[in-house]
Amino acid sequence: MQYFIKTIITAIVVVGISEIGKKFSPIAAILASLPLTSVLAMIWLYSDTKDVQKVIDLSSNIFWAVLPSLIFFLALPILLKNGFKFSIAMPISTIIMFIAYSIYVILLQKFGIKI
């Protein structure tokens, strides 16, 4: 049952982005560029194992593979290593990432680059 729920939630995210893309392509593009797959993978990993070290390891490995989302993958392990509970560290890291993306978009616009 848990596997089924994970599959449904993951599918809803992907289909949701696809549907948004039909009317608001730039918003869908921004959403699709976010590390949603990584976030879901860490949630499922933690849910299955309750092992914070596995979450830290996965996050650290992704850090080296995905340059545009470095802020998220720095924030999550720092918070976990400093004693924050997973249920608190995940949303804080996500908020930090969204702030970083917002700043990034604003800076790109100042240089005449639109996404």
PDB file of N, CA and C in Angstrom:
ATOM      1  N   MET A   1       0.821  -1.196   0.000  1.00  0.00           N
ATOM      2  CA  MET A   1       0.000   0.000   0.000  1.00  0.00           C
ATOM      3  C   MET A   1       0.869   1.266   0.000  1.00  0.00           C
ATOM      4  N   GLN A   2       1.949   1.253   0.796  1.00  0.00           N
ATOM      5  CA  GLN A   2       2.830   2.412   0.869  1.00  0.00           C
ATOM      6  C   GLN A   2       3.452   2.702  -0.497  1.00  0.00           C
ATOM      7  N   TYR A   3       3.858   1.658  -1.209  1.00  0.00           N
ATOM      8  CA  TYR A   3       4.438   1.814  -2.547  1.00  0.00           C
ATOM      9  C   TYR A   3       3.411   2.443  -3.487  1.00  0.00           C
ATOM     10  N   PHE A   4       2.174   2.021  -3.390  1.00  0.00           N
ATOM     11  CA  PHE A   4       1.093   2.568  -4.217  1.00  0.00           C
ATOM     12  C   PHE A   4       0.892   4.053  -3.933  1.00  0.00           C
ATOM     13  N   ILE A   5       0.886   4.437  -2.667  1.00  0.00           N
ATOM     14  CA  ILE A   5       0.713   5.844  -2.285  1.00  0.00           C
ATOM     15  C   ILE A   5       1.874   6.683  -2.818  1.00  0.00           C
ATOM     16  N   LYS A   6       3.104   6.173  -2.693  1.00  0.00           N
ATOM     17  CA  LYS A   6       4.277   6.895  -3.213  1.00  0.00           C
ATOM     18  C   LYS A   6       4.155   7.092  -4.721  1.00  0.00           C
ATOM     19  N   THR A   7       3.710   6.061  -5.417  1.00  0.00           N
ATOM     20  CA  THR A   7       3.561   6.135  -6.872  1.00  0.00           C
ATOM     21  C   THR A   7       2.500   7.159  -7.261  1.00  0.00           C
ATOM     22  N   ILE A   8       1.386   7.171  -6.575  1.00  0.00           N
ATOM     23  CA  ILE A   8       0.306   8.118  -6.874  1.00  0.00           C
ATOM     24  C   ILE A   8       0.751   9.554  -6.629  1.00  0.00           C
ATOM     25  N   ILE A   9       1.372   9.821  -5.497  1.00  0.00           N
ATOM     26  CA  ILE A   9       1.831  11.187  -5.186  1.00  0.00           C
ATOM     27  C   ILE A   9       2.849  11.656  -6.221  1.00  0.00           C
ATOM     28  N   THR A  10       3.792  10.790  -6.565  1.00  0.00           N
ATOM     29  CA  THR A  10       4.801  11.149  -7.559  1.00  0.00           C
ATOM     30  C   THR A  10       4.156  11.425  -8.909  1.00  0.00           C
ATOM     31  N   ALA A  11       3.200  10.604  -9.301  1.00  0.00           N
ATOM     32  CA  ALA A  11       2.499  10.789 -10.582  1.00  0.00           C
ATOM     33  C   ALA A  11       1.706  12.095 -10.581  1.00  0.00           C
ATOM     34  N   ILE A  12       1.079  12.428  -9.471  1.00  0.00           N
ATOM     35  CA  ILE A  12       0.306  13.674  -9.383  1.00  0.00           C
ATOM     36  C   ILE A  12       1.215  14.880  -9.605  1.00  0.00           C
ATOM     37  N   VAL A  13       2.422  14.854  -9.037  1.00  0.00           N
ATOM     38  CA  VAL A  13       3.374  15.966  -9.226  1.00  0.00           C
ATOM     39  C   VAL A  13       3.716  16.117 -10.703  1.00  0.00           C
ATOM     40  N   VAL A  14       4.047  15.018 -11.351  1.00  0.00           N
ATOM     41  CA  VAL A  14       4.447  15.069 -12.760  1.00  0.00           C
ATOM     42  C   VAL A  14       3.276  15.508 -13.641  1.00  0.00           C
ATOM     43  N   VAL A  15       2.109  14.932 -13.431  1.00  0.00           N
ATOM     44  CA  VAL A  15       0.931  15.297 -14.224  1.00  0.00           C
ATOM     45  C   VAL A  15       0.540  16.748 -13.944  1.00  0.00           C
ATOM     46  N   GLY A  16       0.654  17.173 -12.687  1.00  0.00           N
ATOM     47  CA  GLY A  16       0.336  18.561 -12.343  1.00  0.00           C
ATOM     48  C   GLY A  16       1.202  19.551 -13.103  1.00  0.00           C
ATOM     49  N   ILE A  17       2.483  19.280 -13.176  1.00  0.00           N
ATOM     50  CA  ILE A  17       3.389  20.157 -13.931  1.00  0.00           C
ATOM     51  C   ILE A  17       3.009  20.153 -15.408  1.00  0.00           C
ATOM     52  N   SER A  18       2.681  18.989 -15.916  1.00  0.00           N
ATOM     53  CA  SER A  18       2.268  18.881 -17.316  1.00  0.00           C
ATOM     54  C   SER A  18       1.013  19.702 -17.585  1.00  0.00           C
ATOM     55  N   GLU A  19       0.048  19.637 -16.692  1.00  0.00           N
ATOM     56  CA  GLU A  19      -1.201  20.393 -16.858  1.00  0.00           C
ATOM     57  C   GLU A  19      -0.958  21.894 -16.760  1.00  0.00           C
ATOM     58  N   ILE A  20      -0.133  22.312 -15.813  1.00  0.00           N
ATOM     59  CA  ILE A  20       0.210  23.733 -15.692  1.00  0.00           C
ATOM     60  C   ILE A  20       0.882  24.205 -16.972  1.00  0.00           C
ATOM     61  N   GLY A  21       1.720  23.351 -17.548  1.00  0.00           N
ATOM     62  CA  GLY A  21       2.441  23.679 -18.781  1.00  0.00           C
ATOM     63  C   GLY A  21       1.525  23.979 -19.955  1.00  0.00           C
ATOM     64  N   LYS A  22       0.317  23.458 -19.929  1.00  0.00           N
ATOM     65  CA  LYS A  22      -0.641  23.706 -21.012  1.00  0.00           C
ATOM     66  C   LYS A  22      -1.066  25.172 -21.061  1.00  0.00           C
ATOM     67  N   LYS A  23      -1.089  25.834 -19.909  1.00  0.00           N
ATOM     68  CA  LYS A  23      -1.549  27.226 -19.858  1.00  0.00           C
ATOM     69  C   LYS A  23      -0.458  28.197 -19.437  1.00  0.00           C
ATOM     70  N   PHE A  24       0.485  27.748 -18.646  1.00  0.00           N
ATOM     71  CA  PHE A  24       1.522  28.625 -18.089  1.00  0.00           C
ATOM     72  C   PHE A  24       2.889  27.968 -18.238  1.00  0.00           C
ATOM     73  N   SER A  25       3.389  27.933 -19.437  1.00  0.00           N
ATOM     74  CA  SER A  25       4.633  27.230 -19.735  1.00  0.00           C
ATOM     75  C   SER A  25       5.822  27.695 -18.888  1.00  0.00           C
ATOM     76  N   PRO A  26       6.023  29.013 -18.703  1.00  0.00           N
ATOM     77  CA  PRO A  26       7.175  29.427 -17.879  1.00  0.00           C
ATOM     78  C   PRO A  26       7.085  28.915 -16.435  1.00  0.00           C
ATOM     79  N   ILE A  27       5.895  28.924 -15.860  1.00  0.00           N
ATOM     80  CA  ILE A  27       5.735  28.429 -14.487  1.00  0.00           C
ATOM     81  C   ILE A  27       6.002  26.928 -14.441  1.00  0.00           C
ATOM     82  N   ALA A  28       5.472  26.201 -15.415  1.00  0.00           N
ATOM     83  CA  ALA A  28       5.711  24.754 -15.466  1.00  0.00           C
ATOM     84  C   ALA A  28       7.199  24.464 -15.649  1.00  0.00           C
ATOM     85  N   ALA A  29       7.871  25.264 -16.459  1.00  0.00           N
ATOM     86  CA  ALA A  29       9.302  25.059 -16.677  1.00  0.00           C
ATOM     87  C   ALA A  29      10.088  25.266 -15.388  1.00  0.00           C
ATOM     88  N   ILE A  30       9.727  26.288 -14.633  1.00  0.00           N
ATOM     89  CA  ILE A  30      10.399  26.536 -13.353  1.00  0.00           C
ATOM     90  C   ILE A  30      10.133  25.379 -12.395  1.00  0.00           C
ATOM     91  N   LEU A  31       8.873  24.947 -12.316  1.00  0.00           N
ATOM     92  CA  LEU A  31       8.548  23.827 -11.434  1.00  0.00           C
ATOM     93  C   LEU A  31       9.286  22.553 -11.841  1.00  0.00           C
ATOM     94  N   ALA A  32       9.348  22.291 -13.139  1.00  0.00           N
ATOM     95  CA  ALA A  32      10.016  21.083 -13.617  1.00  0.00           C
ATOM     96  C   ALA A  32      11.522  21.133 -13.369  1.00  0.00           C
ATOM     97  N   SER A  33      12.079  22.327 -13.334  1.00  0.00           N
ATOM     98  CA  SER A  33      13.527  22.439 -13.117  1.00  0.00           C
ATOM     99  C   SER A  33      13.904  22.287 -11.650  1.00  0.00           C
ATOM    100  N   LEU A  34      12.928  22.374 -10.760  1.00  0.00           N
ATOM    101  CA  LEU A  34      13.198  22.189  -9.333  1.00  0.00           C
ATOM    102  C   LEU A  34      13.521  20.720  -9.062  1.00  0.00           C
ATOM    103  N   PRO A  35      14.251  20.438  -8.010  1.00  0.00           N
ATOM    104  CA  PRO A  35      14.622  19.044  -7.726  1.00  0.00           C
ATOM    105  C   PRO A  35      13.493  18.250  -7.066  1.00  0.00           C
ATOM    106  N   LEU A  36      12.308  18.282  -7.689  1.00  0.00           N
ATOM    107  CA  LEU A  36      11.164  17.584  -7.115  1.00  0.00           C
ATOM    108  C   LEU A  36      11.412  16.087  -6.980  1.00  0.00           C
ATOM    109  N   THR A  37      12.064  15.513  -7.960  1.00  0.00           N
ATOM    110  CA  THR A  37      12.361  14.087  -7.896  1.00  0.00           C
ATOM    111  C   THR A  37      13.256  13.780  -6.709  1.00  0.00           C
ATOM    112  N   SER A  38      14.246  14.613  -6.493  1.00  0.00           N
ATOM    113  CA  SER A  38      15.159  14.403  -5.374  1.00  0.00           C
ATOM    114  C   SER A  38      14.445  14.559  -4.038  1.00  0.00           C
ATOM    115  N   VAL A  39      13.589  15.562  -3.923  1.00  0.00           N
ATOM    116  CA  VAL A  39      12.841  15.777  -2.680  1.00  0.00           C
ATOM    117  C   VAL A  39      11.961  14.560  -2.385  1.00  0.00           C
ATOM    118  N   LEU A  40      11.232  14.113  -3.396  1.00  0.00           N
ATOM    119  CA  LEU A  40      10.382  12.934  -3.200  1.00  0.00           C
ATOM    120  C   LEU A  40      11.222  11.709  -2.838  1.00  0.00           C
ATOM    121  N   ALA A  41      12.350  11.540  -3.506  1.00  0.00           N
ATOM    122  CA  ALA A  41      13.206  10.395  -3.214  1.00  0.00           C
ATOM    123  C   ALA A  41      13.695  10.430  -1.763  1.00  0.00           C
ATOM    124  N   MET A  42      14.045  11.621  -1.261  1.00  0.00           N
ATOM    125  CA  MET A  42      14.506  11.716   0.123  1.00  0.00           C
ATOM    126  C   MET A  42      13.366  11.456   1.107  1.00  0.00           C
ATOM    127  N   ILE A  43      12.174  11.949   0.780  1.00  0.00           N
ATOM    128  CA  ILE A  43      11.013  11.686   1.647  1.00  0.00           C
ATOM    129  C   ILE A  43      10.739  10.190   1.697  1.00  0.00           C
ATOM    130  N   TRP A  44      10.728   9.538   0.520  1.00  0.00           N
ATOM    131  CA  TRP A  44      10.456   8.095   0.489  1.00  0.00           C
ATOM    132  C   TRP A  44      11.574   7.329   1.206  1.00  0.00           C
ATOM    133  N   LEU A  45      12.805   7.731   1.010  1.00  0.00           N
ATOM    134  CA  LEU A  45      13.926   7.078   1.674  1.00  0.00           C
ATOM    135  C   LEU A  45      13.795   7.183   3.194  1.00  0.00           C
ATOM    136  N   TYR A  46      13.503   8.384   3.665  1.00  0.00           N
ATOM    137  CA  TYR A  46      13.353   8.574   5.112  1.00  0.00           C
ATOM    138  C   TYR A  46      12.140   7.817   5.639  1.00  0.00           C
ATOM    139  N   SER A  47      11.036   7.880   4.900  1.00  0.00           N
ATOM    140  CA  SER A  47       9.814   7.186   5.300  1.00  0.00           C
ATOM    141  C   SER A  47      10.052   5.685   5.425  1.00  0.00           C
ATOM    142  N   ASP A  48      10.803   5.119   4.490  1.00  0.00           N
ATOM    143  CA  ASP A  48      11.065   3.680   4.494  1.00  0.00           C
ATOM    144  C   ASP A  48      12.077   3.265   5.557  1.00  0.00           C
ATOM    145  N   THR A  49      13.094   4.088   5.802  1.00  0.00           N
ATOM    146  CA  THR A  49      14.214   3.675   6.661  1.00  0.00           C
ATOM    147  C   THR A  49      14.301   4.416   7.990  1.00  0.00           C
ATOM    148  N   LYS A  50      13.751   5.626   8.058  1.00  0.00           N
ATOM    149  CA  LYS A  50      13.909   6.508   9.230  1.00  0.00           C
ATOM    150  C   LYS A  50      15.390   6.719   9.549  1.00  0.00           C
ATOM    151  N   ASP A  51      16.232   6.608   8.516  1.00  0.00           N
ATOM    152  CA  ASP A  51      17.682   6.702   8.677  1.00  0.00           C
ATOM    153  C   ASP A  51      18.163   8.057   8.148  1.00  0.00           C
ATOM    154  N   VAL A  52      18.424   8.988   9.044  1.00  0.00           N
ATOM    155  CA  VAL A  52      18.863  10.325   8.671  1.00  0.00           C
ATOM    156  C   VAL A  52      20.190  10.270   7.912  1.00  0.00           C
ATOM    157  N   GLN A  53      21.053   9.348   8.261  1.00  0.00           N
ATOM    158  CA  GLN A  53      22.341   9.245   7.569  1.00  0.00           C
ATOM    159  C   GLN A  53      22.154   8.913   6.092  1.00  0.00           C
ATOM    160  N   LYS A  54      21.194   8.060   5.768  1.00  0.00           N
ATOM    161  CA  LYS A  54      20.922   7.752   4.357  1.00  0.00           C
ATOM    162  C   LYS A  54      20.437   8.990   3.617  1.00  0.00           C
ATOM    163  N   VAL A  55      19.633   9.811   4.280  1.00  0.00           N
ATOM    164  CA  VAL A  55      19.174  11.064   3.682  1.00  0.00           C
ATOM    165  C   VAL A  55      20.356  12.009   3.470  1.00  0.00           C
ATOM    166  N   ILE A  56      21.222  12.103   4.454  1.00  0.00           N
ATOM    167  CA  ILE A  56      22.419  12.944   4.326  1.00  0.00           C
ATOM    168  C   ILE A  56      23.284  12.462   3.165  1.00  0.00           C
ATOM    169  N   ASP A  57      23.482  11.146   3.065  1.00  0.00           N
ATOM    170  CA  ASP A  57      24.311  10.590   1.989  1.00  0.00           C
ATOM    171  C   ASP A  57      23.714  10.879   0.609  1.00  0.00           C
ATOM    172  N   LEU A  58      22.413  10.636   0.463  1.00  0.00           N
ATOM    173  CA  LEU A  58      21.764  10.897  -0.821  1.00  0.00           C
ATOM    174  C   LEU A  58      21.867  12.377  -1.174  1.00  0.00           C
ATOM    175  N   SER A  59      21.589  13.230  -0.219  1.00  0.00           N
ATOM    176  CA  SER A  59      21.654  14.667  -0.463  1.00  0.00           C
ATOM    177  C   SER A  59      23.063  15.109  -0.872  1.00  0.00           C
ATOM    178  N   SER A  60      24.054  14.584  -0.198  1.00  0.00           N
ATOM    179  CA  SER A  60      25.433  14.942  -0.528  1.00  0.00           C
ATOM    180  C   SER A  60      25.822  14.489  -1.934  1.00  0.00           C
ATOM    181  N   ASN A  61      25.385  13.296  -2.326  1.00  0.00           N
ATOM    182  CA  ASN A  61      25.671  12.800  -3.669  1.00  0.00           C
ATOM    183  C   ASN A  61      24.992  13.647  -4.748  1.00  0.00           C
ATOM    184  N   ILE A  62      23.778  14.038  -4.500  1.00  0.00           N
ATOM    185  CA  ILE A  62      23.058  14.879  -5.465  1.00  0.00           C
ATOM    186  C   ILE A  62      23.741  16.243  -5.591  1.00  0.00           C
ATOM    187  N   PHE A  63      24.273  16.747  -4.470  1.00  0.00           N
ATOM    188  CA  PHE A  63      24.975  18.034  -4.476  1.00  0.00           C
ATOM    189  C   PHE A  63      26.023  18.089  -5.589  1.00  0.00           C
ATOM    190  N   TRP A  64      26.786  17.039  -5.735  1.00  0.00           N
ATOM    191  CA  TRP A  64      27.847  17.031  -6.738  1.00  0.00           C
ATOM    192  C   TRP A  64      27.313  16.852  -8.149  1.00  0.00           C
ATOM    193  N   ALA A  65      26.074  16.391  -8.304  1.00  0.00           N
ATOM    194  CA  ALA A  65      25.521  16.096  -9.627  1.00  0.00           C
ATOM    195  C   ALA A  65      24.629  17.204 -10.181  1.00  0.00           C
ATOM    196  N   VAL A  66      24.096  18.057  -9.327  1.00  0.00           N
ATOM    197  CA  VAL A  66      23.094  19.019  -9.776  1.00  0.00           C
ATOM    198  C   VAL A  66      23.479  20.441  -9.337  1.00  0.00           C
ATOM    199  N   LEU A  67      24.174  21.147 -10.204  1.00  0.00           N
ATOM    200  CA  LEU A  67      24.653  22.484  -9.851  1.00  0.00           C
ATOM    201  C   LEU A  67      23.543  23.510  -9.572  1.00  0.00           C
ATOM    202  N   PRO A  68      22.476  23.588 -10.374  1.00  0.00           N
ATOM    203  CA  PRO A  68      21.488  24.650 -10.137  1.00  0.00           C
ATOM    204  C   PRO A  68      20.751  24.571  -8.804  1.00  0.00           C
ATOM    205  N   SER A  69      20.749  23.431  -8.163  1.00  0.00           N
ATOM    206  CA  SER A  69      20.000  23.299  -6.916  1.00  0.00           C
ATOM    207  C   SER A  69      20.913  23.122  -5.700  1.00  0.00           C
ATOM    208  N   LEU A  70      22.101  23.656  -5.771  1.00  0.00           N
ATOM    209  CA  LEU A  70      23.072  23.478  -4.695  1.00  0.00           C
ATOM    210  C   LEU A  70      22.586  23.978  -3.335  1.00  0.00           C
ATOM    211  N   ILE A  71      21.846  25.055  -3.327  1.00  0.00           N
ATOM    212  CA  ILE A  71      21.410  25.630  -2.049  1.00  0.00           C
ATOM    213  C   ILE A  71      20.581  24.631  -1.252  1.00  0.00           C
ATOM    214  N   PHE A  72      19.636  23.948  -1.920  1.00  0.00           N
ATOM    215  CA  PHE A  72      18.806  22.958  -1.226  1.00  0.00           C
ATOM    216  C   PHE A  72      19.659  21.841  -0.631  1.00  0.00           C
ATOM    217  N   PHE A  73      20.579  21.345  -1.433  1.00  0.00           N
ATOM    218  CA  PHE A  73      21.365  20.202  -1.008  1.00  0.00           C
ATOM    219  C   PHE A  73      22.459  20.564  -0.007  1.00  0.00           C
ATOM    220  N   LEU A  74      22.717  21.836   0.168  1.00  0.00           N
ATOM    221  CA  LEU A  74      23.578  22.281   1.266  1.00  0.00           C
ATOM    222  C   LEU A  74      22.765  22.457   2.546  1.00  0.00           C
ATOM    223  N   ALA A  75      21.592  23.042   2.411  1.00  0.00           N
ATOM    224  CA  ALA A  75      20.774  23.356   3.582  1.00  0.00           C
ATOM    225  C   ALA A  75      20.287  22.105   4.313  1.00  0.00           C
ATOM    226  N   LEU A  76      19.772  21.111   3.571  1.00  0.00           N
ATOM    227  CA  LEU A  76      19.193  19.936   4.235  1.00  0.00           C
ATOM    228  C   LEU A  76      20.199  19.191   5.115  1.00  0.00           C
ATOM    229  N   PRO A  77      21.373  18.810   4.611  1.00  0.00           N
ATOM    230  CA  PRO A  77      22.286  18.093   5.503  1.00  0.00           C
ATOM    231  C   PRO A  77      22.824  18.942   6.661  1.00  0.00           C
ATOM    232  N   ILE A  78      22.995  20.244   6.432  1.00  0.00           N
ATOM    233  CA  ILE A  78      23.459  21.108   7.524  1.00  0.00           C
ATOM    234  C   ILE A  78      22.429  21.119   8.648  1.00  0.00           C
ATOM    235  N   LEU A  79      21.158  21.274   8.286  1.00  0.00           N
ATOM    236  CA  LEU A  79      20.107  21.274   9.304  1.00  0.00           C
ATOM    237  C   LEU A  79      20.022  19.933  10.028  1.00  0.00           C
ATOM    238  N   LEU A  80      20.079  18.823   9.271  1.00  0.00           N
ATOM    239  CA  LEU A  80      20.013  17.499   9.893  1.00  0.00           C
ATOM    240  C   LEU A  80      21.202  17.257  10.820  1.00  0.00           C
ATOM    241  N   LYS A  81      22.388  17.640  10.390  1.00  0.00           N
ATOM    242  CA  LYS A  81      23.585  17.436  11.216  1.00  0.00           C
ATOM    243  C   LYS A  81      23.550  18.291  12.481  1.00  0.00           C
ATOM    244  N   ASN A  82      22.800  19.391  12.430  1.00  0.00           N
ATOM    245  CA  ASN A  82      22.700  20.267  13.593  1.00  0.00           C
ATOM    246  C   ASN A  82      21.480  19.955  14.462  1.00  0.00           C
ATOM    247  N   GLY A  83      20.907  18.779  14.257  1.00  0.00           N
ATOM    248  CA  GLY A  83      19.871  18.307  15.163  1.00  0.00           C
ATOM    249  C   GLY A  83      18.438  18.615  14.792  1.00  0.00           C
ATOM    250  N   PHE A  84      18.212  19.255  13.651  1.00  0.00           N
ATOM    251  CA  PHE A  84      16.833  19.495  13.247  1.00  0.00           C
ATOM    252  C   PHE A  84      16.177  18.176  12.865  1.00  0.00           C
ATOM    253  N   LYS A  85      14.916  18.009  13.223  1.00  0.00           N
ATOM    254  CA  LYS A  85      14.180  16.824  12.811  1.00  0.00           C
ATOM    255  C   LYS A  85      13.948  16.884  11.307  1.00  0.00           C
ATOM    256  N   PHE A  86      13.864  15.700  10.688  1.00  0.00           N
ATOM    257  CA  PHE A  86      13.646  15.616   9.242  1.00  0.00           C
ATOM    258  C   PHE A  86      12.404  16.405   8.838  1.00  0.00           C
ATOM    259  N   SER A  87      11.326  16.278   9.613  1.00  0.00           N
ATOM    260  CA  SER A  87      10.061  16.938   9.278  1.00  0.00           C
ATOM    261  C   SER A  87      10.157  18.461   9.322  1.00  0.00           C
ATOM    262  N   ILE A  88      11.156  18.985   9.976  1.00  0.00           N
ATOM    263  CA  ILE A  88      11.405  20.431  10.012  1.00  0.00           C
ATOM    264  C   ILE A  88      12.464  20.821   8.983  1.00  0.00           C
ATOM    265  N   ALA A  89      13.503  20.015   8.868  1.00  0.00           N
ATOM    266  CA  ALA A  89      14.618  20.319   7.959  1.00  0.00           C
ATOM    267  C   ALA A  89      14.179  20.346   6.496  1.00  0.00           C
ATOM    268  N   MET A  90      13.280  19.438   6.097  1.00  0.00           N
ATOM    269  CA  MET A  90      12.851  19.374   4.698  1.00  0.00           C
ATOM    270  C   MET A  90      12.130  20.657   4.261  1.00  0.00           C
ATOM    271  N   PRO A  91      11.117  21.132   4.979  1.00  0.00           N
ATOM    272  CA  PRO A  91      10.468  22.372   4.518  1.00  0.00           C
ATOM    273  C   PRO A  91      11.369  23.607   4.609  1.00  0.00           C
ATOM    274  N   ILE A  92      12.228  23.675   5.623  1.00  0.00           N
ATOM    275  CA  ILE A  92      13.141  24.816   5.712  1.00  0.00           C
ATOM    276  C   ILE A  92      14.085  24.824   4.514  1.00  0.00           C
ATOM    277  N   SER A  93      14.618  23.664   4.173  1.00  0.00           N
ATOM    278  CA  SER A  93      15.511  23.564   3.018  1.00  0.00           C
ATOM    279  C   SER A  93      14.797  23.937   1.724  1.00  0.00           C
ATOM    280  N   THR A  94      13.564  23.515   1.602  1.00  0.00           N
ATOM    281  CA  THR A  94      12.774  23.821   0.410  1.00  0.00           C
ATOM    282  C   THR A  94      12.506  25.327   0.305  1.00  0.00           C
ATOM    283  N   ILE A  95      12.193  25.958   1.415  1.00  0.00           N
ATOM    284  CA  ILE A  95      11.965  27.407   1.420  1.00  0.00           C
ATOM    285  C   ILE A  95      13.244  28.146   1.021  1.00  0.00           C
ATOM    286  N   ILE A  96      14.364  27.712   1.563  1.00  0.00           N
ATOM    287  CA  ILE A  96      15.645  28.328   1.206  1.00  0.00           C
ATOM    288  C   ILE A  96      15.893  28.186  -0.291  1.00  0.00           C
ATOM    289  N   MET A  97      15.596  26.997  -0.837  1.00  0.00           N
ATOM    290  CA  MET A  97      15.790  26.763  -2.266  1.00  0.00           C
ATOM    291  C   MET A  97      14.894  27.693  -3.099  1.00  0.00           C
ATOM    292  N   PHE A  98      13.641  27.836  -2.703  1.00  0.00           N
ATOM    293  CA  PHE A  98      12.740  28.717  -3.440  1.00  0.00           C
ATOM    294  C   PHE A  98      13.212  30.168  -3.386  1.00  0.00           C
ATOM    295  N   ILE A  99      13.721  30.591  -2.247  1.00  0.00           N
ATOM    296  CA  ILE A  99      14.275  31.940  -2.141  1.00  0.00           C
ATOM    297  C   ILE A  99      15.472  32.091  -3.084  1.00  0.00           C
ATOM    298  N   ALA A 100      16.335  31.076  -3.098  1.00  0.00           N
ATOM    299  CA  ALA A 100      17.508  31.122  -3.983  1.00  0.00           C
ATOM    300  C   ALA A 100      17.084  31.179  -5.450  1.00  0.00           C
ATOM    301  N   TYR A 101      16.095  30.360  -5.827  1.00  0.00           N
ATOM    302  CA  TYR A 101      15.601  30.399  -7.203  1.00  0.00           C
ATOM    303  C   TYR A 101      15.010  31.770  -7.534  1.00  0.00           C
ATOM    304  N   SER A 102      14.284  32.357  -6.594  1.00  0.00           N
ATOM    305  CA  SER A 102      13.689  33.684  -6.825  1.00  0.00           C
ATOM    306  C   SER A 102      14.772  34.730  -7.057  1.00  0.00           C
ATOM    307  N   ILE A 103      15.799  34.710  -6.224  1.00  0.00           N
ATOM    308  CA  ILE A 103      16.918  35.643  -6.389  1.00  0.00           C
ATOM    309  C   ILE A 103      17.601  35.402  -7.731  1.00  0.00           C
ATOM    310  N   TYR A 104      17.782  34.151  -8.071  1.00  0.00           N
ATOM    311  CA  TYR A 104      18.411  33.765  -9.340  1.00  0.00           C
ATOM    312  C   TYR A 104      17.635  34.323 -10.531  1.00  0.00           C
ATOM    313  N   VAL A 105      16.308  34.172 -10.506  1.00  0.00           N
ATOM    314  CA  VAL A 105      15.468  34.674 -11.601  1.00  0.00           C
ATOM    315  C   VAL A 105      15.571  36.189 -11.700  1.00  0.00           C
ATOM    316  N   ILE A 106      15.539  36.867 -10.562  1.00  0.00           N
ATOM    317  CA  ILE A 106      15.645  38.326 -10.553  1.00  0.00           C
ATOM    318  C   ILE A 106      16.997  38.770 -11.117  1.00  0.00           C
ATOM    319  N   LEU A 107      18.062  38.103 -10.699  1.00  0.00           N
ATOM    320  CA  LEU A 107      19.394  38.450 -11.210  1.00  0.00           C
ATOM    321  C   LEU A 107      19.487  38.205 -12.724  1.00  0.00           C
ATOM    322  N   LEU A 108      18.933  37.108 -13.180  1.00  0.00           N
ATOM    323  CA  LEU A 108      18.955  36.840 -14.629  1.00  0.00           C
ATOM    324  C   LEU A 108      18.197  37.924 -15.388  1.00  0.00           C
ATOM    325  N   GLN A 109      17.054  38.331 -14.865  1.00  0.00           N
ATOM    326  CA  GLN A 109      16.265  39.374 -15.523  1.00  0.00           C
ATOM    327  C   GLN A 109      17.052  40.678 -15.586  1.00  0.00           C
ATOM    328  N   LYS A 110      17.814  40.988 -14.564  1.00  0.00           N
ATOM    329  CA  LYS A 110      18.623  42.222 -14.561  1.00  0.00           C
ATOM    330  C   LYS A 110      19.688  42.191 -15.661  1.00  0.00           C
ATOM    331  N   PHE A 111      20.091  40.985 -16.046  1.00  0.00           N
ATOM    332  CA  PHE A 111      21.063  40.829 -17.116  1.00  0.00           C
ATOM    333  C   PHE A 111      20.392  40.567 -18.465  1.00  0.00           C
ATOM    334  N   GLY A 112      19.048  40.733 -18.487  1.00  0.00           N
ATOM    335  CA  GLY A 112      18.304  40.575 -19.734  1.00  0.00           C
ATOM    336  C   GLY A 112      18.044  39.149 -20.163  1.00  0.00           C
ATOM    337  N   ILE A 113      18.190  38.220 -19.253  1.00  0.00           N
ATOM    338  CA  ILE A 113      17.948  36.817 -19.560  1.00  0.00           C
ATOM    339  C   ILE A 113      16.606  36.417 -18.957  1.00  0.00           C
ATOM    340  N   LYS A 114      15.705  35.916 -19.808  1.00  0.00           N
ATOM    341  CA  LYS A 114      14.387  35.504 -19.351  1.00  0.00           C
ATOM    342  C   LYS A 114      14.278  33.995 -19.397  1.00  0.00           C
ATOM    343  N   ILE A 115      13.615  33.469 -18.380  1.00  0.00           N
ATOM    344  CA  ILE A 115      13.354  32.029 -18.369  1.00  0.00           C
ATOM    345  C   ILE A 115      11.868  31.763 -18.292  1.00  0.00           C
TER     346      ILE A 115
END
